Amino acid sequence: GACLKGRQRQVADLLVEGATDHQVANRLGLSSRTVR
């Protein structure tokens, strides 16, 4: 686990805040499949 960049960083930040995959997808404008 070196440092995260780009989308991984954005998804990680939201997951740490407690967001579900569906919530992460909505907030970042991604599909749920991409988040998974």
PDB file of all heavy atoms in Angstrom:
ATOM      1  N   GLY A   1       0.784  -1.217   0.000  1.00  0.00           N
ATOM      2  CA  GLY A   1       0.000   0.000   0.000  1.00  0.00           C
ATOM      3  C   GLY A   1       0.816   1.268   0.000  1.00  0.00           C
ATOM      4  O   GLY A   1       0.835   1.954   0.981  1.00  0.00           O
ATOM      5  N   ALA A   2       1.498   1.566  -1.095  1.00  0.00           N
ATOM      6  CA  ALA A   2       2.165   2.856  -1.175  1.00  0.00           C
ATOM      7  C   ALA A   2       1.076   3.915  -1.313  1.00  0.00           C
ATOM      8  O   ALA A   2      -0.002   3.720  -0.846  1.00  0.00           O
ATOM      9  CB  ALA A   2       3.118   2.855  -2.351  1.00  0.00           C
ATOM     10  N   CYS A   3       1.307   5.023  -1.934  1.00  0.00           N
ATOM     11  CA  CYS A   3       0.252   6.027  -1.951  1.00  0.00           C
ATOM     12  C   CYS A   3      -0.719   5.837  -3.101  1.00  0.00           C
ATOM     13  O   CYS A   3      -0.402   5.268  -4.110  1.00  0.00           O
ATOM     14  CB  CYS A   3       0.839   7.399  -1.849  1.00  0.00           C
ATOM     15  SG  CYS A   3       1.538   8.327  -3.119  1.00  0.00           S
ATOM     16  N   LEU A   4      -1.939   6.299  -2.872  1.00  0.00           N
ATOM     17  CA  LEU A   4      -3.014   6.161  -3.847  1.00  0.00           C
ATOM     18  C   LEU A   4      -3.048   7.383  -4.741  1.00  0.00           C
ATOM     19  O   LEU A   4      -2.752   8.493  -4.316  1.00  0.00           O
ATOM     20  CB  LEU A   4      -4.353   6.024  -3.126  1.00  0.00           C
ATOM     21  CG  LEU A   4      -4.487   4.852  -2.174  1.00  0.00           C
ATOM     22  CD1 LEU A   4      -5.802   4.934  -1.422  1.00  0.00           C
ATOM     23  CD2 LEU A   4      -4.401   3.544  -2.927  1.00  0.00           C
ATOM     24  N   LYS A   5      -3.456   7.175  -5.978  1.00  0.00           N
ATOM     25  CA  LYS A   5      -3.535   8.281  -6.926  1.00  0.00           C
ATOM     26  C   LYS A   5      -4.862   8.219  -7.672  1.00  0.00           C
ATOM     27  O   LYS A   5      -5.462   7.153  -7.799  1.00  0.00           O
ATOM     28  CB  LYS A   5      -2.383   8.201  -7.934  1.00  0.00           C
ATOM     29  CG  LYS A   5      -1.035   8.381  -7.300  1.00  0.00           C
ATOM     30  CD  LYS A   5       0.081   8.272  -8.298  1.00  0.00           C
ATOM     31  CE  LYS A   5       1.406   8.382  -7.570  1.00  0.00           C
ATOM     32  NZ  LYS A   5       2.528   8.014  -8.357  1.00  0.00           N
ATOM     33  N   GLY A   6      -5.286   9.355  -8.174  1.00  0.00           N
ATOM     34  CA  GLY A   6      -6.444   9.432  -9.057  1.00  0.00           C
ATOM     35  C   GLY A   6      -7.728   8.911  -8.455  1.00  0.00           C
ATOM     36  O   GLY A   6      -8.093   9.229  -7.316  1.00  0.00           O
ATOM     37  N   ARG A   7      -8.419   8.100  -9.241  1.00  0.00           N
ATOM     38  CA  ARG A   7      -9.723   7.558  -8.845  1.00  0.00           C
ATOM     39  C   ARG A   7      -9.642   6.704  -7.584  1.00  0.00           C
ATOM     40  O   ARG A   7     -10.543   6.726  -6.758  1.00  0.00           O
ATOM     41  CB  ARG A   7     -10.332   6.722  -9.976  1.00  0.00           C
ATOM     42  CG  ARG A   7     -10.834   7.520 -11.123  1.00  0.00           C
ATOM     43  CD  ARG A   7     -12.167   8.122 -10.766  1.00  0.00           C
ATOM     44  NE  ARG A   7     -12.720   8.761 -11.948  1.00  0.00           N
ATOM     45  CZ  ARG A   7     -13.452   9.846 -11.912  1.00  0.00           C
ATOM     46  NH1 ARG A   7     -13.742  10.408 -10.776  1.00  0.00           N
ATOM     47  NH2 ARG A   7     -13.900  10.365 -13.013  1.00  0.00           N
ATOM     48  N   GLN A   8      -8.552   5.931  -7.442  1.00  0.00           N
ATOM     49  CA  GLN A   8      -8.423   5.107  -6.242  1.00  0.00           C
ATOM     50  C   GLN A   8      -8.435   5.980  -4.999  1.00  0.00           C
ATOM     51  O   GLN A   8      -9.052   5.638  -4.003  1.00  0.00           O
ATOM     52  CB  GLN A   8      -7.144   4.262  -6.288  1.00  0.00           C
ATOM     53  CG  GLN A   8      -7.228   3.070  -7.186  1.00  0.00           C
ATOM     54  CD  GLN A   8      -6.009   2.184  -7.082  1.00  0.00           C
ATOM     55  OE1 GLN A   8      -4.942   2.593  -6.626  1.00  0.00           O
ATOM     56  NE2 GLN A   8      -6.164   0.942  -7.518  1.00  0.00           N
ATOM     57  N   ARG A   9      -7.763   7.099  -5.063  1.00  0.00           N
ATOM     58  CA  ARG A   9      -7.719   8.021  -3.921  1.00  0.00           C
ATOM     59  C   ARG A   9      -9.114   8.571  -3.612  1.00  0.00           C
ATOM     60  O   ARG A   9      -9.529   8.632  -2.466  1.00  0.00           O
ATOM     61  CB  ARG A   9      -6.738   9.162  -4.239  1.00  0.00           C
ATOM     62  CG  ARG A   9      -6.707  10.274  -3.245  1.00  0.00           C
ATOM     63  CD  ARG A   9      -6.158   9.803  -1.940  1.00  0.00           C
ATOM     64  NE  ARG A   9      -6.195  10.898  -0.991  1.00  0.00           N
ATOM     65  CZ  ARG A   9      -5.456  10.970   0.057  1.00  0.00           C
ATOM     66  NH1 ARG A   9      -4.604  10.001   0.314  1.00  0.00           N
ATOM     67  NH2 ARG A   9      -5.560  11.951   0.893  1.00  0.00           N
ATOM     68  N   GLN A  10      -9.845   8.978  -4.651  1.00  0.00           N
ATOM     69  CA  GLN A  10     -11.193   9.521  -4.461  1.00  0.00           C
ATOM     70  C   GLN A  10     -12.123   8.472  -3.858  1.00  0.00           C
ATOM     71  O   GLN A  10     -12.877   8.755  -2.927  1.00  0.00           O
ATOM     72  CB  GLN A  10     -11.765  10.027  -5.791  1.00  0.00           C
ATOM     73  CG  GLN A  10     -11.040  11.225  -6.342  1.00  0.00           C
ATOM     74  CD  GLN A  10     -11.514  11.581  -7.739  1.00  0.00           C
ATOM     75  OE1 GLN A  10     -11.763  10.706  -8.561  1.00  0.00           O
ATOM     76  NE2 GLN A  10     -11.639  12.884  -7.994  1.00  0.00           N
ATOM     77  N   VAL A  11     -12.073   7.269  -4.408  1.00  0.00           N
ATOM     78  CA  VAL A  11     -12.926   6.182  -3.899  1.00  0.00           C
ATOM     79  C   VAL A  11     -12.532   5.858  -2.459  1.00  0.00           C
ATOM     80  O   VAL A  11     -13.397   5.697  -1.594  1.00  0.00           O
ATOM     81  CB  VAL A  11     -12.823   4.936  -4.810  1.00  0.00           C
ATOM     82  CG1 VAL A  11     -13.481   3.729  -4.160  1.00  0.00           C
ATOM     83  CG2 VAL A  11     -13.447   5.224  -6.172  1.00  0.00           C
ATOM     84  N   ALA A  12     -11.246   5.780  -2.176  1.00  0.00           N
ATOM     85  CA  ALA A  12     -10.777   5.461  -0.818  1.00  0.00           C
ATOM     86  C   ALA A  12     -11.255   6.498   0.185  1.00  0.00           C
ATOM     87  O   ALA A  12     -11.724   6.145   1.277  1.00  0.00           O
ATOM     88  CB  ALA A  12      -9.255   5.368  -0.800  1.00  0.00           C
ATOM     89  N   ASP A  13     -11.161   7.776  -0.169  1.00  0.00           N
ATOM     90  CA  ASP A  13     -11.617   8.837   0.741  1.00  0.00           C
ATOM     91  C   ASP A  13     -13.093   8.675   1.091  1.00  0.00           C
ATOM     92  O   ASP A  13     -13.487   8.816   2.250  1.00  0.00           O
ATOM     93  CB  ASP A  13     -11.369  10.218   0.132  1.00  0.00           C
ATOM     94  CG  ASP A  13      -9.891  10.603   0.117  1.00  0.00           C
ATOM     95  OD1 ASP A  13      -9.116  10.014   0.899  1.00  0.00           O
ATOM     96  OD2 ASP A  13      -9.529  11.487  -0.682  1.00  0.00           O
ATOM     97  N   LEU A  14     -13.911   8.382   0.092  1.00  0.00           N
ATOM     98  CA  LEU A  14     -15.353   8.226   0.335  1.00  0.00           C
ATOM     99  C   LEU A  14     -15.656   6.951   1.127  1.00  0.00           C
ATOM    100  O   LEU A  14     -16.538   6.940   1.983  1.00  0.00           O
ATOM    101  CB  LEU A  14     -16.124   8.244  -0.988  1.00  0.00           C
ATOM    102  CG  LEU A  14     -16.109   9.596  -1.714  1.00  0.00           C
ATOM    103  CD1 LEU A  14     -16.736   9.475  -3.095  1.00  0.00           C
ATOM    104  CD2 LEU A  14     -16.825  10.651  -0.883  1.00  0.00           C
ATOM    105  N   LEU A  15     -14.918   5.884   0.861  1.00  0.00           N
ATOM    106  CA  LEU A  15     -15.125   4.640   1.615  1.00  0.00           C
ATOM    107  C   LEU A  15     -14.780   4.831   3.088  1.00  0.00           C
ATOM    108  O   LEU A  15     -15.475   4.337   3.972  1.00  0.00           O
ATOM    109  CB  LEU A  15     -14.297   3.497   1.023  1.00  0.00           C
ATOM    110  CG  LEU A  15     -14.734   2.973  -0.341  1.00  0.00           C
ATOM    111  CD1 LEU A  15     -13.747   1.922  -0.839  1.00  0.00           C
ATOM    112  CD2 LEU A  15     -16.139   2.419  -0.303  1.00  0.00           C
ATOM    113  N   VAL A  16     -13.702   5.573   3.350  1.00  0.00           N
ATOM    114  CA  VAL A  16     -13.296   5.834   4.729  1.00  0.00           C
ATOM    115  C   VAL A  16     -14.359   6.660   5.455  1.00  0.00           C
ATOM    116  O   VAL A  16     -14.585   6.493   6.647  1.00  0.00           O
ATOM    117  CB  VAL A  16     -11.907   6.525   4.774  1.00  0.00           C
ATOM    118  CG1 VAL A  16     -11.585   7.055   6.153  1.00  0.00           C
ATOM    119  CG2 VAL A  16     -10.837   5.538   4.335  1.00  0.00           C
ATOM    120  N   GLU A  17     -15.039   7.528   4.713  1.00  0.00           N
ATOM    121  CA  GLU A  17     -16.123   8.318   5.302  1.00  0.00           C
ATOM    122  C   GLU A  17     -17.375   7.481   5.563  1.00  0.00           C
ATOM    123  O   GLU A  17     -18.313   7.953   6.188  1.00  0.00           O
ATOM    124  CB  GLU A  17     -16.492   9.483   4.373  1.00  0.00           C
ATOM    125  CG  GLU A  17     -15.428  10.554   4.296  1.00  0.00           C
ATOM    126  CD  GLU A  17     -15.769  11.629   3.266  1.00  0.00           C
ATOM    127  OE1 GLU A  17     -16.936  11.687   2.799  1.00  0.00           O
ATOM    128  OE2 GLU A  17     -14.875  12.411   2.939  1.00  0.00           O
ATOM    129  N   GLY A  18     -17.394   6.244   5.051  1.00  0.00           N
ATOM    130  CA  GLY A  18     -18.531   5.357   5.298  1.00  0.00           C
ATOM    131  C   GLY A  18     -19.499   5.228   4.146  1.00  0.00           C
ATOM    132  O   GLY A  18     -20.576   4.632   4.296  1.00  0.00           O
ATOM    133  N   ALA A  19     -19.153   5.752   2.981  1.00  0.00           N
ATOM    134  CA  ALA A  19     -20.045   5.671   1.823  1.00  0.00           C
ATOM    135  C   ALA A  19     -20.108   4.245   1.280  1.00  0.00           C
ATOM    136  O   ALA A  19     -19.117   3.513   1.318  1.00  0.00           O
ATOM    137  CB  ALA A  19     -19.565   6.631   0.726  1.00  0.00           C
ATOM    138  N   THR A  20     -21.274   3.857   0.788  1.00  0.00           N
ATOM    139  CA  THR A  20     -21.438   2.559   0.130  1.00  0.00           C
ATOM    140  C   THR A  20     -20.929   2.670  -1.305  1.00  0.00           C
ATOM    141  O   THR A  20     -20.699   3.778  -1.811  1.00  0.00           O
ATOM    142  CB  THR A  20     -22.918   2.134   0.105  1.00  0.00           C
ATOM    143  OG1 THR A  20     -23.645   3.073  -0.710  1.00  0.00           O
ATOM    144  CG2 THR A  20     -23.506   2.079   1.508  1.00  0.00           C
ATOM    145  N   ASP A  21     -20.790   1.540  -1.987  1.00  0.00           N
ATOM    146  CA  ASP A  21     -20.356   1.556  -3.388  1.00  0.00           C
ATOM    147  C   ASP A  21     -21.304   2.410  -4.231  1.00  0.00           C
ATOM    148  O   ASP A  21     -20.873   3.169  -5.087  1.00  0.00           O
ATOM    149  CB  ASP A  21     -20.289   0.139  -3.949  1.00  0.00           C
ATOM    150  CG  ASP A  21     -19.152  -0.674  -3.368  1.00  0.00           C
ATOM    151  OD1 ASP A  21     -18.314  -0.111  -2.637  1.00  0.00           O
ATOM    152  OD2 ASP A  21     -19.101  -1.884  -3.654  1.00  0.00           O
ATOM    153  N   HIS A  22     -22.599   2.258  -3.994  1.00  0.00           N
ATOM    154  CA  HIS A  22     -23.605   3.007  -4.760  1.00  0.00           C
ATOM    155  C   HIS A  22     -23.464   4.515  -4.508  1.00  0.00           C
ATOM    156  O   HIS A  22     -23.528   5.321  -5.448  1.00  0.00           O
ATOM    157  CB  HIS A  22     -25.008   2.518  -4.391  1.00  0.00           C
ATOM    158  CG  HIS A  22     -26.089   3.155  -5.183  1.00  0.00           C
ATOM    159  ND1 HIS A  22     -26.278   2.879  -6.521  1.00  0.00           N
ATOM    160  CD2 HIS A  22     -27.027   4.080  -4.843  1.00  0.00           C
ATOM    161  CE1 HIS A  22     -27.298   3.593  -6.964  1.00  0.00           C
ATOM    162  NE2 HIS A  22     -27.769   4.334  -5.968  1.00  0.00           N
ATOM    163  N   GLN A  23     -23.252   4.915  -3.256  1.00  0.00           N
ATOM    164  CA  GLN A  23     -23.072   6.328  -2.929  1.00  0.00           C
ATOM    165  C   GLN A  23     -21.792   6.883  -3.559  1.00  0.00           C
ATOM    166  O   GLN A  23     -21.773   8.014  -4.053  1.00  0.00           O
ATOM    167  CB  GLN A  23     -23.040   6.525  -1.409  1.00  0.00           C
ATOM    168  CG  GLN A  23     -24.378   6.269  -0.749  1.00  0.00           C
ATOM    169  CD  GLN A  23     -24.269   6.183   0.770  1.00  0.00           C
ATOM    170  OE1 GLN A  23     -23.219   5.813   1.305  1.00  0.00           O
ATOM    171  NE2 GLN A  23     -25.361   6.513   1.453  1.00  0.00           N
ATOM    172  N   VAL A  24     -20.722   6.100  -3.537  1.00  0.00           N
ATOM    173  CA  VAL A  24     -19.468   6.522  -4.166  1.00  0.00           C
ATOM    174  C   VAL A  24     -19.685   6.737  -5.656  1.00  0.00           C
ATOM    175  O   VAL A  24     -19.249   7.742  -6.229  1.00  0.00           O
ATOM    176  CB  VAL A  24     -18.347   5.485  -3.919  1.00  0.00           C
ATOM    177  CG1 VAL A  24     -17.115   5.807  -4.752  1.00  0.00           C
ATOM    178  CG2 VAL A  24     -17.990   5.406  -2.446  1.00  0.00           C
ATOM    179  N   ALA A  25     -20.375   5.799  -6.300  1.00  0.00           N
ATOM    180  CA  ALA A  25     -20.645   5.905  -7.736  1.00  0.00           C
ATOM    181  C   ALA A  25     -21.420   7.180  -8.056  1.00  0.00           C
ATOM    182  O   ALA A  25     -21.077   7.903  -9.003  1.00  0.00           O
ATOM    183  CB  ALA A  25     -21.418   4.676  -8.213  1.00  0.00           C
ATOM    184  N   ASN A  26     -22.444   7.468  -7.272  1.00  0.00           N
ATOM    185  CA  ASN A  26     -23.248   8.670  -7.512  1.00  0.00           C
ATOM    186  C   ASN A  26     -22.431   9.948  -7.318  1.00  0.00           C
ATOM    187  O   ASN A  26     -22.534  10.880  -8.102  1.00  0.00           O
ATOM    188  CB  ASN A  26     -24.469   8.695  -6.593  1.00  0.00           C
ATOM    189  CG  ASN A  26     -25.523   7.697  -7.023  1.00  0.00           C
ATOM    190  OD1 ASN A  26     -25.554   7.263  -8.180  1.00  0.00           O
ATOM    191  ND2 ASN A  26     -26.383   7.319  -6.096  1.00  0.00           N
ATOM    192  N   ARG A  27     -21.627   9.998  -6.269  1.00  0.00           N
ATOM    193  CA  ARG A  27     -20.867  11.223  -5.973  1.00  0.00           C
ATOM    194  C   ARG A  27     -19.746  11.476  -6.974  1.00  0.00           C
ATOM    195  O   ARG A  27     -19.389  12.619  -7.238  1.00  0.00           O
ATOM    196  CB  ARG A  27     -20.317  11.161  -4.562  1.00  0.00           C
ATOM    197  CG  ARG A  27     -21.440  11.373  -3.536  1.00  0.00           C
ATOM    198  CD  ARG A  27     -21.000  11.255  -2.124  1.00  0.00           C
ATOM    199  NE  ARG A  27     -20.164  12.352  -1.679  1.00  0.00           N
ATOM    200  CZ  ARG A  27     -19.668  12.426  -0.457  1.00  0.00           C
ATOM    201  NH1 ARG A  27     -19.931  11.483   0.433  1.00  0.00           N
ATOM    202  NH2 ARG A  27     -18.905  13.435  -0.104  1.00  0.00           N
ATOM    203  N   LEU A  28     -19.174  10.391  -7.525  1.00  0.00           N
ATOM    204  CA  LEU A  28     -18.063  10.564  -8.465  1.00  0.00           C
ATOM    205  C   LEU A  28     -18.481  10.458  -9.929  1.00  0.00           C
ATOM    206  O   LEU A  28     -17.651  10.611 -10.828  1.00  0.00           O
ATOM    207  CB  LEU A  28     -16.954   9.538  -8.178  1.00  0.00           C
ATOM    208  CG  LEU A  28     -16.275   9.642  -6.810  1.00  0.00           C
ATOM    209  CD1 LEU A  28     -15.238   8.551  -6.646  1.00  0.00           C
ATOM    210  CD2 LEU A  28     -15.658  11.021  -6.625  1.00  0.00           C
ATOM    211  N   GLY A  29     -19.765  10.177 -10.159  1.00  0.00           N
ATOM    212  CA  GLY A  29     -20.249  10.043 -11.537  1.00  0.00           C
ATOM    213  C   GLY A  29     -19.724   8.799 -12.227  1.00  0.00           C
ATOM    214  O   GLY A  29     -19.449   8.807 -13.425  1.00  0.00           O
ATOM    215  N   LEU A  30     -19.566   7.728 -11.472  1.00  0.00           N
ATOM    216  CA  LEU A  30     -19.082   6.456 -12.009  1.00  0.00           C
ATOM    217  C   LEU A  30     -20.197   5.422 -11.956  1.00  0.00           C
ATOM    218  O   LEU A  30     -21.188   5.600 -11.245  1.00  0.00           O
ATOM    219  CB  LEU A  30     -17.897   5.936 -11.176  1.00  0.00           C
ATOM    220  CG  LEU A  30     -16.683   6.843 -11.041  1.00  0.00           C
ATOM    221  CD1 LEU A  30     -15.722   6.270  -9.998  1.00  0.00           C
ATOM    222  CD2 LEU A  30     -15.982   6.985 -12.375  1.00  0.00           C
ATOM    223  N   SER A  31     -20.019   4.325 -12.664  1.00  0.00           N
ATOM    224  CA  SER A  31     -20.978   3.225 -12.537  1.00  0.00           C
ATOM    225  C   SER A  31     -20.635   2.422 -11.283  1.00  0.00           C
ATOM    226  O   SER A  31     -19.486   2.424 -10.816  1.00  0.00           O
ATOM    227  CB  SER A  31     -20.924   2.319 -13.772  1.00  0.00           C
ATOM    228  OG  SER A  31     -19.733   1.567 -13.776  1.00  0.00           O
ATOM    229  N   SER A  32     -21.629   1.738 -10.741  1.00  0.00           N
ATOM    230  CA  SER A  32     -21.392   0.889  -9.560  1.00  0.00           C
ATOM    231  C   SER A  32     -20.377  -0.197  -9.874  1.00  0.00           C
ATOM    232  O   SER A  32     -19.572  -0.582  -9.033  1.00  0.00           O
ATOM    233  CB  SER A  32     -22.697   0.265  -9.073  1.00  0.00           C
ATOM    234  OG  SER A  32     -23.536   1.257  -8.547  1.00  0.00           O
ATOM    235  N   ARG A  33     -20.413  -0.686 -11.104  1.00  0.00           N
ATOM    236  CA  ARG A  33     -19.470  -1.734 -11.518  1.00  0.00           C
ATOM    237  C   ARG A  33     -18.031  -1.210 -11.479  1.00  0.00           C
ATOM    238  O   ARG A  33     -17.113  -1.898 -11.035  1.00  0.00           O
ATOM    239  CB  ARG A  33     -19.807  -2.231 -12.912  1.00  0.00           C
ATOM    240  CG  ARG A  33     -18.866  -3.327 -13.393  1.00  0.00           C
ATOM    241  CD  ARG A  33     -19.243  -3.759 -14.781  1.00  0.00           C
ATOM    242  NE  ARG A  33     -20.513  -4.451 -14.737  1.00  0.00           N
ATOM    243  CZ  ARG A  33     -20.690  -5.702 -15.138  1.00  0.00           C
ATOM    244  NH1 ARG A  33     -19.680  -6.373 -15.628  1.00  0.00           N
ATOM    245  NH2 ARG A  33     -21.853  -6.262 -15.065  1.00  0.00           N
ATOM    246  N   THR A  34     -17.822   0.028 -11.909  1.00  0.00           N
ATOM    247  CA  THR A  34     -16.480   0.632 -11.875  1.00  0.00           C
ATOM    248  C   THR A  34     -16.005   0.771 -10.431  1.00  0.00           C
ATOM    249  O   THR A  34     -14.842   0.475 -10.122  1.00  0.00           O
ATOM    250  CB  THR A  34     -16.489   2.002 -12.580  1.00  0.00           C
ATOM    251  OG1 THR A  34     -16.898   1.825 -13.933  1.00  0.00           O
ATOM    252  CG2 THR A  34     -15.113   2.649 -12.533  1.00  0.00           C
ATOM    253  N   VAL A  35     -16.896   1.196  -9.548  1.00  0.00           N
ATOM    254  CA  VAL A  35     -16.522   1.341  -8.137  1.00  0.00           C
ATOM    255  C   VAL A  35     -16.158  -0.020  -7.556  1.00  0.00           C
ATOM    256  O   VAL A  35     -15.157  -0.156  -6.844  1.00  0.00           O
ATOM    257  CB  VAL A  35     -17.651   2.012  -7.330  1.00  0.00           C
ATOM    258  CG1 VAL A  35     -17.344   1.983  -5.841  1.00  0.00           C
ATOM    259  CG2 VAL A  35     -17.867   3.442  -7.804  1.00  0.00           C
ATOM    260  N   ARG A  36     -16.949  -1.061  -7.861  1.00  0.00           N
ATOM    261  CA  ARG A  36     -16.637  -2.414  -7.361  1.00  0.00           C
ATOM    262  C   ARG A  36     -15.276  -2.880  -7.891  1.00  0.00           C
ATOM    263  O   ARG A  36     -14.517  -3.537  -7.176  1.00  0.00           O
ATOM    264  CB  ARG A  36     -17.741  -3.396  -7.736  1.00  0.00           C
ATOM    265  CG  ARG A  36     -18.982  -3.255  -6.878  1.00  0.00           C
ATOM    266  CD  ARG A  36     -19.935  -4.423  -7.066  1.00  0.00           C
ATOM    267  NE  ARG A  36     -20.379  -4.587  -8.438  1.00  0.00           N
ATOM    268  CZ  ARG A  36     -21.441  -4.004  -8.982  1.00  0.00           C
ATOM    269  NH1 ARG A  36     -22.193  -3.201  -8.257  1.00  0.00           N
ATOM    270  NH2 ARG A  36     -21.776  -4.242 -10.236  1.00  0.00           N
TER     271      ARG A  36
END
